[in-house]
Amino acid sequence: PGQPTRVAWSMNDVFHTFRKGHRVMVQLQSTWFPLMDRNPQVFTN
């Protein structure tokens, strides 16, 4: 808790063109439900 930590991995490929006038956006979150199960946010099975 509270300690800065690096989290890095490789995601699946893309081949996409963002056209002129569009924006590139990145969203970052910790839940995505119910697509993936919830994390208790406590280290456990």
All heavy atoms as atom14 arrays in JSON, in Angstrom:
{
  "sequence": "PGQPTRVAWSMNDVFHTFRKGHRVMVQLQSTWFPLMDRNPQVFTN",
  "atom14_mask": [
    [1, 1, 1, 1, 1, 1, 1, 0, 0, 0, 0, 0, 0, 0],
    [1, 1, 1, 1, 0, 0, 0, 0, 0, 0, 0, 0, 0, 0],
    [1, 1, 1, 1, 1, 1, 1, 1, 1, 0, 0, 0, 0, 0],
    [1, 1, 1, 1, 1, 1, 1, 0, 0, 0, 0, 0, 0, 0],
    [1, 1, 1, 1, 1, 1, 1, 0, 0, 0, 0, 0, 0, 0],
    [1, 1, 1, 1, 1, 1, 1, 1, 1, 1, 1, 0, 0, 0],
    [1, 1, 1, 1, 1, 1, 1, 0, 0, 0, 0, 0, 0, 0],
    [1, 1, 1, 1, 1, 0, 0, 0, 0, 0, 0, 0, 0, 0],
    [1, 1, 1, 1, 1, 1, 1, 1, 1, 1, 1, 1, 1, 1],
    [1, 1, 1, 1, 1, 1, 0, 0, 0, 0, 0, 0, 0, 0],
    [1, 1, 1, 1, 1, 1, 1, 1, 0, 0, 0, 0, 0, 0],
    [1, 1, 1, 1, 1, 1, 1, 1, 0, 0, 0, 0, 0, 0],
    [1, 1, 1, 1, 1, 1, 1, 1, 0, 0, 0, 0, 0, 0],
    [1, 1, 1, 1, 1, 1, 1, 0, 0, 0, 0, 0, 0, 0],
    [1, 1, 1, 1, 1, 1, 1, 1, 1, 1, 1, 0, 0, 0],
    [1, 1, 1, 1, 1, 1, 1, 1, 1, 1, 0, 0, 0, 0],
    [1, 1, 1, 1, 1, 1, 1, 0, 0, 0, 0, 0, 0, 0],
    [1, 1, 1, 1, 1, 1, 1, 1, 1, 1, 1, 0, 0, 0],
    [1, 1, 1, 1, 1, 1, 1, 1, 1, 1, 1, 0, 0, 0],
    [1, 1, 1, 1, 1, 1, 1, 1, 1, 0, 0, 0, 0, 0],
    [1, 1, 1, 1, 0, 0, 0, 0, 0, 0, 0, 0, 0, 0],
    [1, 1, 1, 1, 1, 1, 1, 1, 1, 1, 0, 0, 0, 0],
    [1, 1, 1, 1, 1, 1, 1, 1, 1, 1, 1, 0, 0, 0],
    [1, 1, 1, 1, 1, 1, 1, 0, 0, 0, 0, 0, 0, 0],
    [1, 1, 1, 1, 1, 1, 1, 1, 0, 0, 0, 0, 0, 0],
    [1, 1, 1, 1, 1, 1, 1, 0, 0, 0, 0, 0, 0, 0],
    [1, 1, 1, 1, 1, 1, 1, 1, 1, 0, 0, 0, 0, 0],
    [1, 1, 1, 1, 1, 1, 1, 1, 0, 0, 0, 0, 0, 0],
    [1, 1, 1, 1, 1, 1, 1, 1, 1, 0, 0, 0, 0, 0],
    [1, 1, 1, 1, 1, 1, 0, 0, 0, 0, 0, 0, 0, 0],
    [1, 1, 1, 1, 1, 1, 1, 0, 0, 0, 0, 0, 0, 0],
    [1, 1, 1, 1, 1, 1, 1, 1, 1, 1, 1, 1, 1, 1],
    [1, 1, 1, 1, 1, 1, 1, 1, 1, 1, 1, 0, 0, 0],
    [1, 1, 1, 1, 1, 1, 1, 0, 0, 0, 0, 0, 0, 0],
    [1, 1, 1, 1, 1, 1, 1, 1, 0, 0, 0, 0, 0, 0],
    [1, 1, 1, 1, 1, 1, 1, 1, 0, 0, 0, 0, 0, 0],
    [1, 1, 1, 1, 1, 1, 1, 1, 0, 0, 0, 0, 0, 0],
    [1, 1, 1, 1, 1, 1, 1, 1, 1, 1, 1, 0, 0, 0],
    [1, 1, 1, 1, 1, 1, 1, 1, 0, 0, 0, 0, 0, 0],
    [1, 1, 1, 1, 1, 1, 1, 0, 0, 0, 0, 0, 0, 0],
    [1, 1, 1, 1, 1, 1, 1, 1, 1, 0, 0, 0, 0, 0],
    [1, 1, 1, 1, 1, 1, 1, 0, 0, 0, 0, 0, 0, 0],
    [1, 1, 1, 1, 1, 1, 1, 1, 1, 1, 1, 0, 0, 0],
    [1, 1, 1, 1, 1, 1, 1, 0, 0, 0, 0, 0, 0, 0],
    [1, 1, 1, 1, 1, 1, 1, 1, 0, 0, 0, 0, 0, 0]
  ],
  "atom14_positions": [
    [[0.82, -1.21, 0.0], [0.0, 0.0, 0.0], [0.86, 1.27, 0.0], [1.81, 1.4, 0.77], [-0.81, -0.13, 1.29], [-0.92, -1.6, 1.52], [0.4, -2.16, 1.06], [0.0, 0.0, 0.0], [0.0, 0.0, 0.0], [0.0, 0.0, 0.0], [0.0, 0.0, 0.0], [0.0, 0.0, 0.0], [0.0, 0.0, 0.0], [0.0, 0.0, 0.0]],
    [[0.49, 2.16, -0.93], [1.17, 3.46, -1.01], [2.49, 3.46, -1.75], [3.04, 4.53, -2.01], [0.0, 0.0, 0.0], [0.0, 0.0, 0.0], [0.0, 0.0, 0.0], [0.0, 0.0, 0.0], [0.0, 0.0, 0.0], [0.0, 0.0, 0.0], [0.0, 0.0, 0.0], [0.0, 0.0, 0.0], [0.0, 0.0, 0.0], [0.0, 0.0, 0.0]],
    [[3.0, 2.3, -2.13], [4.31, 2.24, -2.78], [4.15, 2.3, -4.3], [3.48, 1.46, -4.89], [5.03, 0.96, -2.4], [6.4, 0.78, -3.07], [7.11, -0.46, -2.59], [7.32, -0.63, -1.39], [7.48, -1.34, -3.52], [0.0, 0.0, 0.0], [0.0, 0.0, 0.0], [0.0, 0.0, 0.0], [0.0, 0.0, 0.0], [0.0, 0.0, 0.0]],
    [[4.79, 3.28, -4.98], [4.72, 3.34, -6.44], [5.24, 2.04, -7.07], [6.29, 1.53, -6.69], [5.6, 4.53, -6.79], [5.54, 5.41, -5.57], [5.5, 4.45, -4.41], [0.0, 0.0, 0.0], [0.0, 0.0, 0.0], [0.0, 0.0, 0.0], [0.0, 0.0, 0.0], [0.0, 0.0, 0.0], [0.0, 0.0, 0.0], [0.0, 0.0, 0.0]],
    [[4.49, 1.51, -8.01], [4.78, 0.21, -8.6], [4.57, 0.27, -10.12], [3.61, 0.88, -10.59], [3.85, -0.86, -8.01], [3.99, -0.87, -6.58], [4.17, -2.24, -8.56], [0.0, 0.0, 0.0], [0.0, 0.0, 0.0], [0.0, 0.0, 0.0], [0.0, 0.0, 0.0], [0.0, 0.0, 0.0], [0.0, 0.0, 0.0], [0.0, 0.0, 0.0]],
    [[5.46, -0.37, -10.85], [5.34, -0.44, -12.31], [4.46, -1.63, -12.69], [4.66, -2.75, -12.21], [6.71, -0.57, -12.95], [6.71, -0.7, -14.47], [8.14, -0.79, -14.99], [8.2, -0.93, -16.45], [8.25, -2.09, -17.09], [8.26, -3.24, -16.4], [8.31, -2.12, -18.41], [0.0, 0.0, 0.0], [0.0, 0.0, 0.0], [0.0, 0.0, 0.0]],
    [[3.49, -1.39, -13.57], [2.62, -2.43, -14.12], [2.69, -2.31, -15.63], [2.24, -1.31, -16.2], [1.17, -2.29, -13.63], [0.29, -3.38, -14.25], [1.1, -2.34, -12.11], [0.0, 0.0, 0.0], [0.0, 0.0, 0.0], [0.0, 0.0, 0.0], [0.0, 0.0, 0.0], [0.0, 0.0, 0.0], [0.0, 0.0, 0.0], [0.0, 0.0, 0.0]],
    [[3.25, -3.31, -16.3], [3.42, -3.25, -17.75], [3.09, -4.61, -18.36], [3.37, -5.65, -17.77], [4.85, -2.85, -18.1], [0.0, 0.0, 0.0], [0.0, 0.0, 0.0], [0.0, 0.0, 0.0], [0.0, 0.0, 0.0], [0.0, 0.0, 0.0], [0.0, 0.0, 0.0], [0.0, 0.0, 0.0], [0.0, 0.0, 0.0], [0.0, 0.0, 0.0]],
    [[2.51, -4.58, -19.55], [2.19, -5.82, -20.25], [1.93, -5.51, -21.72], [1.95, -4.34, -22.13], [1.0, -6.53, -19.62], [-0.37, -5.94, -19.87], [-1.3, -6.39, -20.76], [-0.99, -4.82, -19.19], [-2.45, -5.64, -20.68], [-2.28, -4.68, -19.73], [-0.58, -3.95, -18.18], [-3.17, -3.68, -19.31], [-1.45, -2.96, -17.76], [-2.73, -2.83, -18.31]],
    [[1.71, -6.55, -22.49], [1.43, -6.41, -23.92], [-0.03, -6.76, -24.19], [-0.5, -7.82, -23.78], [2.36, -7.31, -24.75], [2.11, -7.17, -26.12], [0.0, 0.0, 0.0], [0.0, 0.0, 0.0], [0.0, 0.0, 0.0], [0.0, 0.0, 0.0], [0.0, 0.0, 0.0], [0.0, 0.0, 0.0], [0.0, 0.0, 0.0], [0.0, 0.0, 0.0]],
    [[-0.72, -5.86, -24.88], [-2.11, -6.08, -25.26], [-2.18, -6.63, -26.68], [-1.21, -6.59, -27.44], [-2.89, -4.76, -25.17], [-3.05, -4.24, -23.75], [-3.66, -2.53, -23.65], [-5.2, -2.62, -24.57], [0.0, 0.0, 0.0], [0.0, 0.0, 0.0], [0.0, 0.0, 0.0], [0.0, 0.0, 0.0], [0.0, 0.0, 0.0], [0.0, 0.0, 0.0]],
    [[-3.34, -7.14, -27.05], [-3.54, -7.65, -28.4], [-3.31, -6.57, -29.45], [-3.54, -5.38, -29.22], [-4.95, -8.22, -28.56], [-5.1, -9.58, -27.93], [-4.19, -10.4, -27.95], [-6.26, -9.84, -27.34], [0.0, 0.0, 0.0], [0.0, 0.0, 0.0], [0.0, 0.0, 0.0], [0.0, 0.0, 0.0], [0.0, 0.0, 0.0], [0.0, 0.0, 0.0]],
    [[-2.92, -7.01, -30.64], [-2.58, -6.11, -31.74], [-3.8, -5.3, -32.21], [-4.96, -5.72, -32.04], [-2.07, -6.9, -32.93], [-0.79, -7.66, -32.63], [-0.45, -7.83, -31.44], [-0.12, -8.09, -33.59], [0.0, 0.0, 0.0], [0.0, 0.0, 0.0], [0.0, 0.0, 0.0], [0.0, 0.0, 0.0], [0.0, 0.0, 0.0], [0.0, 0.0, 0.0]],
    [[-3.5, -4.21, -32.88], [-4.48, -3.42, -33.62], [-3.87, -3.06, -34.97], [-2.66, -3.15, -35.17], [-4.88, -2.13, -32.87], [-5.49, -2.45, -31.52], [-3.68, -1.18, -32.72], [0.0, 0.0, 0.0], [0.0, 0.0, 0.0], [0.0, 0.0, 0.0], [0.0, 0.0, 0.0], [0.0, 0.0, 0.0], [0.0, 0.0, 0.0], [0.0, 0.0, 0.0]],
    [[-4.71, -2.66, -35.89], [-4.27, -2.01, -37.13], [-5.35, -0.98, -37.44], [-6.34, -1.28, -38.1], [-4.09, -3.01, -38.26], [-3.44, -2.42, -39.49], [-2.53, -1.38, -39.4], [-3.72, -2.93, -40.75], [-1.92, -0.85, -40.53], [-3.12, -2.41, -41.89], [-2.21, -1.37, -41.76], [0.0, 0.0, 0.0], [0.0, 0.0, 0.0], [0.0, 0.0, 0.0]],
    [[-5.16, 0.22, -36.94], [-6.22, 1.22, -36.96], [-5.65, 2.58, -37.3], [-4.59, 2.98, -36.79], [-6.91, 1.29, -35.59], [-8.08, 2.24, -35.56], [-9.32, 1.9, -36.04], [-8.19, 3.53, -35.12], [-10.15, 2.91, -35.88], [-9.49, 3.91, -35.34], [0.0, 0.0, 0.0], [0.0, 0.0, 0.0], [0.0, 0.0, 0.0], [0.0, 0.0, 0.0]],
    [[-6.37, 3.29, -38.16], [-6.01, 4.66, -38.51], [-6.97, 5.63, -37.85], [-8.19, 5.55, -38.05], [-6.02, 4.86, -40.03], [-4.96, 4.09, -40.61], [-5.82, 6.32, -40.39], [0.0, 0.0, 0.0], [0.0, 0.0, 0.0], [0.0, 0.0, 0.0], [0.0, 0.0, 0.0], [0.0, 0.0, 0.0], [0.0, 0.0, 0.0], [0.0, 0.0, 0.0]],
    [[-6.41, 6.52, -37.04], [-7.15, 7.65, -36.48], [-7.09, 8.75, -37.53], [-6.02, 9.27, -37.85], [-6.51, 8.11, -35.17], [-6.52, 7.07, -34.07], [-5.54, 6.09, -34.01], [-7.51, 7.07, -33.11], [-5.54, 5.14, -32.99], [-7.53, 6.13, -32.09], [-6.54, 5.15, -32.04], [0.0, 0.0, 0.0], [0.0, 0.0, 0.0], [0.0, 0.0, 0.0]],
    [[-8.25, 9.12, -38.06], [-8.27, 10.06, -39.18], [-8.04, 11.5, -38.71], [-8.24, 11.84, -37.54], [-9.61, 9.97, -39.92], [-10.0, 8.58, -40.42], [-8.91, 7.88, -41.21], [-8.55, 8.53, -42.44], [-8.98, 8.16, -43.65], [-9.8, 7.12, -43.76], [-8.57, 8.78, -44.73], [0.0, 0.0, 0.0], [0.0, 0.0, 0.0], [0.0, 0.0, 0.0]],
    [[-7.62, 12.29, -39.65], [-7.44, 13.71, -39.39], [-8.7, 14.29, -38.77], [-9.81, 14.01, -39.23], [-7.11, 14.43, -40.7], [-6.93, 15.94, -40.58], [-6.65, 16.56, -41.94], [-6.52, 18.08, -41.82], [-6.26, 18.72, -43.14], [0.0, 0.0, 0.0], [0.0, 0.0, 0.0], [0.0, 0.0, 0.0], [0.0, 0.0, 0.0], [0.0, 0.0, 0.0]],
    [[-8.54, 15.08, -37.72], [-9.69, 15.68, -37.03], [-10.21, 14.83, -35.88], [-10.94, 15.34, -35.03], [0.0, 0.0, 0.0], [0.0, 0.0, 0.0], [0.0, 0.0, 0.0], [0.0, 0.0, 0.0], [0.0, 0.0, 0.0], [0.0, 0.0, 0.0], [0.0, 0.0, 0.0], [0.0, 0.0, 0.0], [0.0, 0.0, 0.0], [0.0, 0.0, 0.0]],
    [[-9.84, 13.54, -35.83], [-10.2, 12.69, -34.7], [-9.22, 12.93, -33.55], [-8.17, 13.56, -33.72], [-10.16, 11.22, -35.1], [-11.24, 10.81, -36.06], [-11.96, 9.65, -35.92], [-11.73, 11.41, -37.18], [-12.84, 9.53, -36.91], [-12.7, 10.6, -37.7], [0.0, 0.0, 0.0], [0.0, 0.0, 0.0], [0.0, 0.0, 0.0], [0.0, 0.0, 0.0]],
    [[-9.54, 12.4, -32.4], [-8.64, 12.42, -31.26], [-8.29, 10.99, -30.85], [-9.1, 10.07, -31.05], [-9.27, 13.12, -30.04], [-9.62, 14.58, -30.22], [-10.39, 15.07, -28.99], [-10.87, 16.43, -29.13], [-10.33, 17.48, -28.52], [-9.28, 17.3, -27.72], [-10.82, 18.69, -28.69], [0.0, 0.0, 0.0], [0.0, 0.0, 0.0], [0.0, 0.0, 0.0]],
    [[-7.13, 10.81, -30.28], [-6.76, 9.54, -29.66], [-7.02, 9.67, -28.17], [-6.57, 10.63, -27.54], [-5.28, 9.2, -29.9], [-4.95, 7.83, -29.29], [-4.95, 9.21, -31.39], [0.0, 0.0, 0.0], [0.0, 0.0, 0.0], [0.0, 0.0, 0.0], [0.0, 0.0, 0.0], [0.0, 0.0, 0.0], [0.0, 0.0, 0.0], [0.0, 0.0, 0.0]],
    [[-7.74, 8.72, -27.62], [-8.07, 8.73, -26.19], [-7.62, 7.43, -25.54], [-7.67, 6.37, -26.15], [-9.58, 8.91, -25.99], [-10.04, 8.81, -24.53], [-11.86, 8.91, -24.34], [-12.13, 10.67, -24.64], [0.0, 0.0, 0.0], [0.0, 0.0, 0.0], [0.0, 0.0, 0.0], [0.0, 0.0, 0.0], [0.0, 0.0, 0.0], [0.0, 0.0, 0.0]],
    [[-7.18, 7.53, -24.31], [-6.92, 6.36, -23.47], [-7.75, 6.51, -22.2], [-7.72, 7.56, -21.55], [-5.43, 6.23, -23.11], [-5.23, 5.09, -22.11], [-4.59, 5.98, -24.35], [0.0, 0.0, 0.0], [0.0, 0.0, 0.0], [0.0, 0.0, 0.0], [0.0, 0.0, 0.0], [0.0, 0.0, 0.0], [0.0, 0.0, 0.0], [0.0, 0.0, 0.0]],
    [[-8.52, 5.49, -21.89], [-9.25, 5.44, -20.62], [-8.6, 4.4, -19.73], [-8.16, 3.34, -20.21], [-10.73, 5.1, -20.83], [-11.52, 6.2, -21.51], [-13.0, 5.87, -21.63], [-13.48, 4.85, -21.1], [-13.75, 6.71, -22.34], [0.0, 0.0, 0.0], [0.0, 0.0, 0.0], [0.0, 0.0, 0.0], [0.0, 0.0, 0.0], [0.0, 0.0, 0.0]],
    [[-8.57, 4.7, -18.45], [-7.95, 3.81, -17.47], [-8.91, 3.63, -16.31], [-9.42, 4.62, -15.75], [-6.62, 4.42, -16.99], [-5.78, 3.61, -16.01], [-5.33, 2.3, -16.63], [-4.57, 4.43, -15.57], [0.0, 0.0, 0.0], [0.0, 0.0, 0.0], [0.0, 0.0, 0.0], [0.0, 0.0, 0.0], [0.0, 0.0, 0.0], [0.0, 0.0, 0.0]],
    [[-9.17, 2.39, -15.93], [-10.11, 2.09, -14.86], [-9.72, 0.79, -14.2], [-8.81, 0.09, -14.67], [-11.54, 1.99, -15.43], [-11.7, 0.91, -16.48], [-12.9, 1.14, -17.39], [-12.99, 2.13, -18.11], [-13.84, 0.18, -17.37], [0.0, 0.0, 0.0], [0.0, 0.0, 0.0], [0.0, 0.0, 0.0], [0.0, 0.0, 0.0], [0.0, 0.0, 0.0]],
    [[-10.42, 0.42, -13.13], [-10.07, -0.79, -12.38], [-11.2, -1.8, -12.29], [-11.01, -2.88, -11.72], [-9.59, -0.42, -10.97], [-8.31, 0.19, -11.03], [0.0, 0.0, 0.0], [0.0, 0.0, 0.0], [0.0, 0.0, 0.0], [0.0, 0.0, 0.0], [0.0, 0.0, 0.0], [0.0, 0.0, 0.0], [0.0, 0.0, 0.0], [0.0, 0.0, 0.0]],
    [[-12.36, -1.47, -12.81], [-13.46, -2.42, -12.88], [-14.04, -2.35, -14.29], [-13.98, -1.31, -14.95], [-14.56, -2.12, -11.85], [-14.97, -0.73, -11.96], [-14.06, -2.36, -10.43], [0.0, 0.0, 0.0], [0.0, 0.0, 0.0], [0.0, 0.0, 0.0], [0.0, 0.0, 0.0], [0.0, 0.0, 0.0], [0.0, 0.0, 0.0], [0.0, 0.0, 0.0]],
    [[-14.64, -3.46, -14.72], [-15.21, -3.56, -16.08], [-16.23, -4.67, -16.01], [-15.99, -5.79, -16.4], [-14.08, -3.9, -17.06], [-14.24, -3.36, -18.44], [-15.1, -2.42, -18.89], [-13.45, -3.74, -19.57], [-14.91, -2.17, -20.22], [-13.9, -2.97, -20.67], [-12.4, -4.64, -19.78], [-13.34, -3.09, -21.94], [-11.85, -4.75, -21.04], [-12.31, -3.98, -22.11]],
    [[-17.4, -4.35, -15.52], [-18.33, -5.36, -15.02], [-19.58, -5.46, -15.87], [-20.07, -4.44, -16.36], [-18.69, -5.01, -13.57], [-19.39, -6.1, -12.82], [-18.69, -7.21, -12.37], [-20.74, -6.02, -12.58], [-19.34, -8.23, -11.69], [-21.39, -7.03, -11.89], [-20.69, -8.13, -11.45], [0.0, 0.0, 0.0], [0.0, 0.0, 0.0], [0.0, 0.0, 0.0]],
    [[-20.14, -6.66, -15.98], [-19.61, -7.94, -15.46], [-18.68, -8.66, -16.43], [-18.48, -9.86, -16.31], [-20.88, -8.74, -15.23], [-21.79, -8.31, -16.34], [-21.52, -6.83, -16.53], [0.0, 0.0, 0.0], [0.0, 0.0, 0.0], [0.0, 0.0, 0.0], [0.0, 0.0, 0.0], [0.0, 0.0, 0.0], [0.0, 0.0, 0.0], [0.0, 0.0, 0.0]],
    [[-18.15, -7.91, -17.43], [-17.26, -8.54, -18.4], [-16.18, -9.34, -17.7], [-15.89, -10.47, -18.06], [-16.64, -7.48, -19.3], [-15.74, -7.98, -20.43], [-16.54, -8.82, -21.42], [-15.05, -6.83, -21.14], [0.0, 0.0, 0.0], [0.0, 0.0, 0.0], [0.0, 0.0, 0.0], [0.0, 0.0, 0.0], [0.0, 0.0, 0.0], [0.0, 0.0, 0.0]],
    [[-15.55, -8.74, -16.7], [-14.57, -9.48, -15.89], [-15.03, -9.47, -14.44], [-15.74, -8.56, -13.99], [-13.18, -8.86, -16.02], [-13.03, -7.5, -15.42], [-11.35, -6.84, -15.67], [-11.32, -5.52, -14.44], [0.0, 0.0, 0.0], [0.0, 0.0, 0.0], [0.0, 0.0, 0.0], [0.0, 0.0, 0.0], [0.0, 0.0, 0.0], [0.0, 0.0, 0.0]],
    [[-14.64, -10.5, -13.71], [-15.06, -10.58, -12.31], [-14.4, -9.47, -11.51], [-13.38, -8.91, -11.88], [-14.74, -11.96, -11.74], [-13.26, -12.25, -11.64], [-12.47, -11.68, -12.42], [-12.87, -13.06, -10.78], [0.0, 0.0, 0.0], [0.0, 0.0, 0.0], [0.0, 0.0, 0.0], [0.0, 0.0, 0.0], [0.0, 0.0, 0.0], [0.0, 0.0, 0.0]],
    [[-15.01, -9.16, -10.39], [-14.5, -8.07, -9.56], [-13.31, -8.53, -8.72], [-13.24, -9.67, -8.28], [-15.61, -7.56, -8.63], [-16.79, -6.94, -9.37], [-17.92, -6.59, -8.41], [-18.35, -7.78, -7.68], [-18.74, -7.78, -6.41], [-18.75, -6.66, -5.7], [-19.13, -8.9, -5.82], [0.0, 0.0, 0.0], [0.0, 0.0, 0.0], [0.0, 0.0, 0.0]],
    [[-12.41, -7.61, -8.51], [-11.25, -7.84, -7.66], [-11.58, -7.29, -6.27], [-11.98, -6.14, -6.14], [-10.05, -7.1, -8.25], [-8.73, -7.47, -7.6], [-8.67, -7.72, -6.4], [-7.67, -7.49, -8.39], [0.0, 0.0, 0.0], [0.0, 0.0, 0.0], [0.0, 0.0, 0.0], [0.0, 0.0, 0.0], [0.0, 0.0, 0.0], [0.0, 0.0, 0.0]],
    [[-11.4, -8.08, -5.2], [-11.69, -7.56, -3.86], [-10.77, -6.4, -3.46], [-11.05, -5.71, -2.49], [-11.45, -8.78, -2.95], [-11.53, -9.95, -3.83], [-11.04, -9.51, -5.17], [0.0, 0.0, 0.0], [0.0, 0.0, 0.0], [0.0, 0.0, 0.0], [0.0, 0.0, 0.0], [0.0, 0.0, 0.0], [0.0, 0.0, 0.0], [0.0, 0.0, 0.0]],
    [[-9.67, -6.24, -4.23], [-8.67, -5.21, -3.96], [-7.91, -5.49, -2.68], [-7.29, -4.63, -2.08], [-9.27, -3.81, -4.03], [-9.95, -3.6, -5.38], [-10.54, -2.24, -5.65], [-10.57, -1.81, -6.78], [-11.01, -1.56, -4.63], [0.0, 0.0, 0.0], [0.0, 0.0, 0.0], [0.0, 0.0, 0.0], [0.0, 0.0, 0.0], [0.0, 0.0, 0.0]],
    [[-7.98, -6.79, -2.32], [-7.19, -7.36, -1.23], [-6.49, -8.58, -1.81], [-7.1, -9.37, -2.53], [-8.09, -7.78, -0.05], [-7.27, -8.5, 1.02], [-8.81, -6.59, 0.54], [0.0, 0.0, 0.0], [0.0, 0.0, 0.0], [0.0, 0.0, 0.0], [0.0, 0.0, 0.0], [0.0, 0.0, 0.0], [0.0, 0.0, 0.0], [0.0, 0.0, 0.0]],
    [[-5.21, -8.74, -1.52], [-4.47, -9.88, -2.07], [-4.99, -11.17, -1.47], [-4.85, -11.44, -0.27], [-2.99, -9.71, -1.77], [-2.13, -10.81, -2.36], [-1.87, -10.83, -3.72], [-1.59, -11.81, -1.56], [-1.09, -11.84, -4.28], [-0.81, -12.82, -2.11], [-0.56, -12.82, -3.47], [0.0, 0.0, 0.0], [0.0, 0.0, 0.0], [0.0, 0.0, 0.0]],
    [[-5.62, -11.98, -2.33], [-6.25, -13.22, -1.87], [-6.54, -14.09, -3.08], [-6.38, -13.65, -4.22], [-7.56, -12.91, -1.1], [-8.07, -14.11, -0.53], [-8.62, -12.31, -2.03], [0.0, 0.0, 0.0], [0.0, 0.0, 0.0], [0.0, 0.0, 0.0], [0.0, 0.0, 0.0], [0.0, 0.0, 0.0], [0.0, 0.0, 0.0], [0.0, 0.0, 0.0]],
    [[-6.97, -15.32, -2.84], [-7.49, -16.16, -3.9], [-8.89, -15.64, -4.21], [-9.84, -15.89, -3.46], [-7.53, -17.61, -3.45], [-8.11, -18.55, -4.51], [-8.65, -18.12, -5.52], [-8.0, -19.84, -4.26], [0.0, 0.0, 0.0], [0.0, 0.0, 0.0], [0.0, 0.0, 0.0], [0.0, 0.0, 0.0], [0.0, 0.0, 0.0], [0.0, 0.0, 0.0]]
  ]
}
